[in-house]
Protein backbone atom coordinates (compact mmCIF):
# COMPACT_ATOMS: atom_id res chain seq x y z
CA MET A 1 0.00 0.00 0.00
CA LYS A 2 2.83 2.38 0.92
CA GLN A 3 4.64 1.53 -2.32
CA ARG A 4 1.51 2.30 -4.37
CA PHE A 5 1.17 5.64 -2.57
CA ILE A 6 4.77 6.58 -3.41
CA ILE A 7 4.29 5.56 -7.06
CA SER A 8 1.11 7.68 -7.23
CA ILE A 9 2.98 10.71 -5.87
CA VAL A 10 5.80 10.24 -8.41
CA LEU A 11 3.30 9.96 -11.28
CA LEU A 12 1.41 13.03 -10.06
CA LEU A 13 4.60 15.09 -9.80
CA GLY A 14 5.61 13.94 -13.28
CA LEU A 15 2.22 14.99 -14.66
CA ILE A 16 2.41 18.40 -12.95
CA HIS A 17 5.93 18.94 -14.37
CA ALA A 18 4.80 17.96 -17.89
CA ARG A 19 1.85 20.36 -17.71
CA ALA A 20 4.11 23.14 -16.41
CA GLN A 21 6.49 22.59 -19.35
CA ASP A 22 3.59 22.64 -21.84
CA SER A 23 2.37 25.84 -20.19
CA LEU A 24 5.87 27.33 -20.43
CA LYS A 25 6.08 26.54 -24.16
CA TYR A 26 2.76 28.30 -24.70
CA ILE A 27 3.81 31.33 -22.63
CA LEU A 28 7.10 31.67 -24.52
CA HIS A 29 5.36 31.26 -27.89
CA LYS A 30 2.89 34.06 -27.09
CA HIS A 31 5.67 36.14 -25.51
CA HIS A 32 7.87 35.96 -28.63
CA GLU A 33 4.85 36.80 -30.77
CA ALA A 34 4.17 39.87 -28.61
CA HIS A 35 7.78 41.02 -28.97
CA GLN A 36 7.78 40.29 -32.75
CA GLN A 37 10.91 38.22 -32.28
CA GLU A 38 11.15 37.25 -35.96
CA LEU A 39 11.40 40.91 -36.99
CA TRP A 40 14.19 41.51 -34.46
CA GLU A 41 16.25 38.65 -35.90
CA GLY A 42 17.17 40.77 -38.91
CA ILE A 43 18.02 43.92 -36.94
CA LYS A 44 21.68 44.14 -35.89
CA THR A 45 21.96 47.74 -34.70
CA LEU A 46 19.76 50.47 -33.28
CA SER A 47 20.11 54.08 -32.22
CA ALA A 48 17.76 56.22 -30.16
CA LYS A 49 17.57 59.83 -29.07
CA GLY A 50 16.00 60.54 -25.73
CA ASN A 51 16.77 61.31 -22.11
CA TRP A 52 18.78 59.75 -19.32
CA LEU A 53 17.32 60.49 -15.88
CA SER A 54 19.34 60.14 -12.69
CA ILE A 55 19.24 61.54 -9.16
CA HIS A 56 21.16 64.53 -10.56
CA GLY A 57 18.58 65.46 -13.21
CA SER A 58 17.45 64.79 -16.78
CA TYR A 59 19.98 64.82 -19.62
CA PRO A 60 19.41 64.58 -23.39
CA ALA A 61 21.37 61.66 -24.79
CA THR A 62 21.92 59.47 -27.84
CA PHE A 63 21.97 55.71 -27.32
CA TYR A 64 23.52 53.05 -29.55
CA PHE A 65 22.95 49.30 -29.30
CA LYS A 66 24.60 46.57 -31.36
CA LYS A 67 24.21 42.79 -31.24
CA PRO A 68 24.87 40.82 -29.22
CA ASP A 69 24.86 43.34 -26.34
CA LYS A 70 27.10 46.34 -27.05
CA TYR A 71 25.95 49.65 -25.61
CA LEU A 72 26.95 53.32 -25.88
CA MET A 73 25.34 56.42 -24.35
CA ILE A 74 26.54 59.91 -25.26
CA ASN A 75 25.26 62.92 -23.32
CA GLN A 76 24.36 65.72 -25.74
CA ARG A 77 24.79 68.49 -23.17
CA SER A 78 28.13 67.75 -21.50
CA ARG A 79 31.07 65.38 -21.83
CA PHE A 80 29.56 62.21 -20.42
CA ILE A 81 29.83 58.78 -22.05
CA GLU A 82 29.04 55.28 -20.82
CA ALA A 83 29.72 52.14 -22.83
CA TRP A 84 29.97 48.36 -22.83
CA ASP A 85 31.97 46.86 -25.70
CA GLY A 86 31.10 43.23 -25.01
CA VAL A 87 34.15 42.69 -22.78
CA GLU A 88 34.58 45.70 -20.52
CA SER A 89 32.61 48.78 -19.51
CA TRP A 90 33.95 52.31 -19.31
CA THR A 91 32.92 55.93 -18.82
CA ILE A 92 34.15 59.45 -19.43
CA ALA A 93 32.61 62.07 -17.15
CA LYS A 94 33.27 65.25 -15.19
CA TRP A 95 33.85 63.28 -12.00
CA THR A 96 36.57 61.28 -13.78
CA LYS A 97 38.19 64.57 -14.83
CA SER A 98 37.42 63.69 -18.47
CA SER A 99 39.69 60.64 -18.35
CA VAL A 100 38.53 57.09 -19.05
CA ALA A 101 37.37 55.16 -15.97
CA GLU A 102 36.03 51.66 -15.44
CA LEU A 103 32.41 51.25 -14.35
CA SER A 104 31.48 49.19 -11.31
CA ALA A 105 29.99 45.70 -11.61
CA GLU A 106 26.54 47.10 -10.74
CA GLU A 107 26.79 49.86 -13.36
CA THR A 108 28.02 47.36 -15.95
CA LEU A 109 25.12 44.97 -15.35
CA MET A 110 22.66 47.87 -15.45
CA ASN A 111 23.99 48.97 -18.84
CA ARG A 112 23.87 45.43 -20.21
CA THR A 113 20.27 45.11 -19.04
CA ILE A 114 18.84 48.31 -20.58
CA PHE A 115 17.86 46.85 -23.94
CA SER A 116 17.66 43.55 -25.81
CA PHE A 117 16.84 42.91 -29.45
CA GLY A 118 13.40 41.43 -28.90
CA SER A 119 13.07 39.15 -25.89
CA PRO A 120 16.01 38.27 -23.61
CA LEU A 121 14.36 34.83 -23.28
CA LYS A 122 15.08 33.97 -26.92
CA GLY A 123 17.05 30.70 -27.04
CA VAL A 124 17.45 30.51 -23.25
CA LYS A 125 17.73 26.96 -21.85
CA GLY A 126 16.84 25.57 -18.44
CA ILE A 127 14.17 28.08 -17.47
CA GLU A 128 11.35 27.28 -15.08
CA ASN A 129 7.73 28.41 -14.90
CA LYS A 130 6.96 29.34 -11.28
CA GLY A 131 3.30 30.20 -11.88
CA VAL A 132 1.33 33.45 -11.79
CA VAL A 133 2.03 36.34 -9.42
CA PHE A 134 0.49 39.80 -9.13
CA LEU A 135 2.50 42.98 -9.71
CA ASP A 136 0.60 46.23 -9.12
CA LYS A 137 -2.59 44.13 -9.03
CA ALA A 138 -1.92 42.78 -12.55
CA PRO A 139 -1.25 39.03 -13.12
CA HIS A 140 2.17 38.07 -14.48
CA HIS A 141 3.84 34.82 -15.47
CA TRP A 142 6.90 34.32 -13.25
CA ILE A 143 9.78 32.68 -15.15
CA ILE A 144 13.14 31.87 -13.55
CA GLU A 145 16.55 31.35 -15.17
CA ASP A 146 19.48 30.17 -13.05
CA ARG A 147 22.82 31.03 -14.71
CA GLY A 148 24.94 29.94 -11.74
CA PRO A 149 26.39 33.26 -10.57
CA LEU A 150 23.19 35.04 -11.67
CA LEU A 151 19.55 34.32 -10.86
CA ILE A 152 17.21 36.05 -13.32
CA GLU A 153 13.48 36.44 -12.72
CA TYR A 154 11.28 37.47 -15.64
CA PHE A 155 7.73 38.78 -15.17
CA ILE A 156 5.56 38.56 -18.30
CA SER A 157 2.14 40.20 -18.44
CA VAL A 158 -0.68 37.64 -18.61
CA LYS A 159 -2.70 40.15 -20.66
CA THR A 160 -0.14 41.33 -23.24
CA PHE A 161 2.64 38.71 -22.90
CA LEU A 162 5.17 41.58 -22.88
CA LEU A 163 8.07 41.53 -20.42
CA THR A 164 7.40 44.20 -17.79
CA LYS A 165 9.89 43.45 -15.01
CA THR A 166 13.22 41.67 -14.67
CA ILE A 167 15.08 41.04 -11.40
CA ILE A 168 18.74 40.00 -11.66
CA THR A 169 20.43 38.76 -8.50
CA LYS A 170 24.21 38.35 -8.45
CA LYS A 171 24.89 35.48 -6.05
CA THR A 172 28.70 35.26 -6.09
CA GLY A 173 31.41 37.66 -4.95
CA GLU A 174 29.80 40.85 -3.68
CA PRO A 175 26.07 40.15 -4.15
CA PHE A 176 23.68 42.79 -5.47
CA VAL A 177 20.32 43.04 -7.23
CA VAL A 178 19.38 44.92 -10.41
CA VAL A 179 15.67 45.57 -11.03
CA ARG A 180 14.51 46.53 -14.53
CA ASP A 181 10.98 47.88 -15.06
CA VAL A 182 9.51 48.68 -18.46
CA LEU A 183 7.19 51.59 -17.70
CA LYS A 184 6.00 52.04 -21.28
CA TYR A 185 6.04 50.22 -24.61
CA GLY A 186 5.71 51.90 -28.01
CA ASN A 187 5.38 50.65 -31.57
CA PHE A 188 7.99 51.64 -34.15
CA GLN A 189 7.81 50.34 -37.72
CA GLY A 190 5.63 47.47 -36.54
CA VAL A 191 8.01 46.49 -33.74
CA SER A 192 7.15 46.61 -30.02
CA PHE A 193 9.78 48.72 -28.30
CA PRO A 194 10.31 49.70 -24.64
CA THR A 195 10.28 53.50 -24.69
CA HIS A 196 10.59 54.13 -20.93
CA ILE A 197 12.80 51.89 -18.79
CA LYS A 198 13.71 52.22 -15.12
CA LEU A 199 16.72 50.44 -13.60
CA ARG A 200 17.59 50.41 -9.92
CA THR A 201 19.91 48.82 -7.43
CA ARG A 202 20.32 49.45 -3.71
CA LYS A 203 22.74 52.29 -4.54
CA MET A 204 21.55 53.66 -7.90
CA VAL A 205 18.46 54.58 -9.91
CA ALA A 206 18.39 55.49 -13.61
CA GLU A 207 15.66 55.94 -16.20
CA TYR A 208 15.93 55.84 -19.98
CA ILE A 209 13.35 57.47 -22.25
CA PHE A 210 13.61 56.85 -26.00
CA ASN A 211 11.83 59.37 -28.23
CA LYS A 212 13.28 58.93 -31.73
CA ILE A 213 14.38 55.43 -32.73
CA THR A 214 16.27 54.32 -35.84
CA LEU A 215 16.40 50.60 -36.56
CA GLY A 216 19.45 49.28 -38.39
CA ASP A 217 21.45 52.49 -37.91
CA PRO A 218 25.04 51.51 -38.88
CA VAL A 219 27.60 51.96 -36.10
CA LYS A 220 31.17 50.63 -36.11
CA ASP A 221 32.50 48.40 -33.33
CA LYS A 222 35.29 50.84 -32.49
CA ARG A 223 32.73 53.38 -31.24
CA PHE A 224 32.01 51.06 -28.31
CA SER A 225 35.69 50.38 -27.57
CA ARG A 226 37.45 51.98 -24.64
CA PRO A 227 39.71 54.83 -25.84
CA GLU A 228 43.42 54.35 -25.32
CA LYS A 229 45.00 56.53 -22.66
CA LYS A 230 47.15 59.25 -24.11
């Protein structure tokens, strides 16, 4: 009798897991449809004009993104640049006395998290569907990805299937958490695009507002590269 009970539990758990995986496939299918993932496949670069908001104020800026995850922000008002070239992150700012400085691990992860070409869940393996949770009274699918040193939690709207929140927890070394909220989505040339993004850690808060977007804007790799010290 005890053996039958154990077998029944194992079968039930297996059935629940299978249903969860089927549910996950459906969620991801609808999610990629919502983000028009197929359209993003052919887009390699993107530029946007907008504003960078920090605790110090709002600054007009131009943003450049290039696959797989290169990033460059140039302040249009003063000498302030932040970049990630795929290997290292760097900045030039007043507080660095206009010399090149390395960004912190938190700042680097924030910059790498600002934008993705379509969904960051594209091609991701080993993710888990944790069910439905409510954020601001709205139901969201809660998807988890464990990358070892990083635990990434994705929150996908049940209504629109768009990604609205991402929480990245660094578990090794000096731990910290980066929270990414998409406050607004827009539609540009038939592509869903996050036009207002907020990123925060325990120490920092930054917002990015994109007003004018150009898809496929050519930009050379060297623009993202850290300048050599003179």
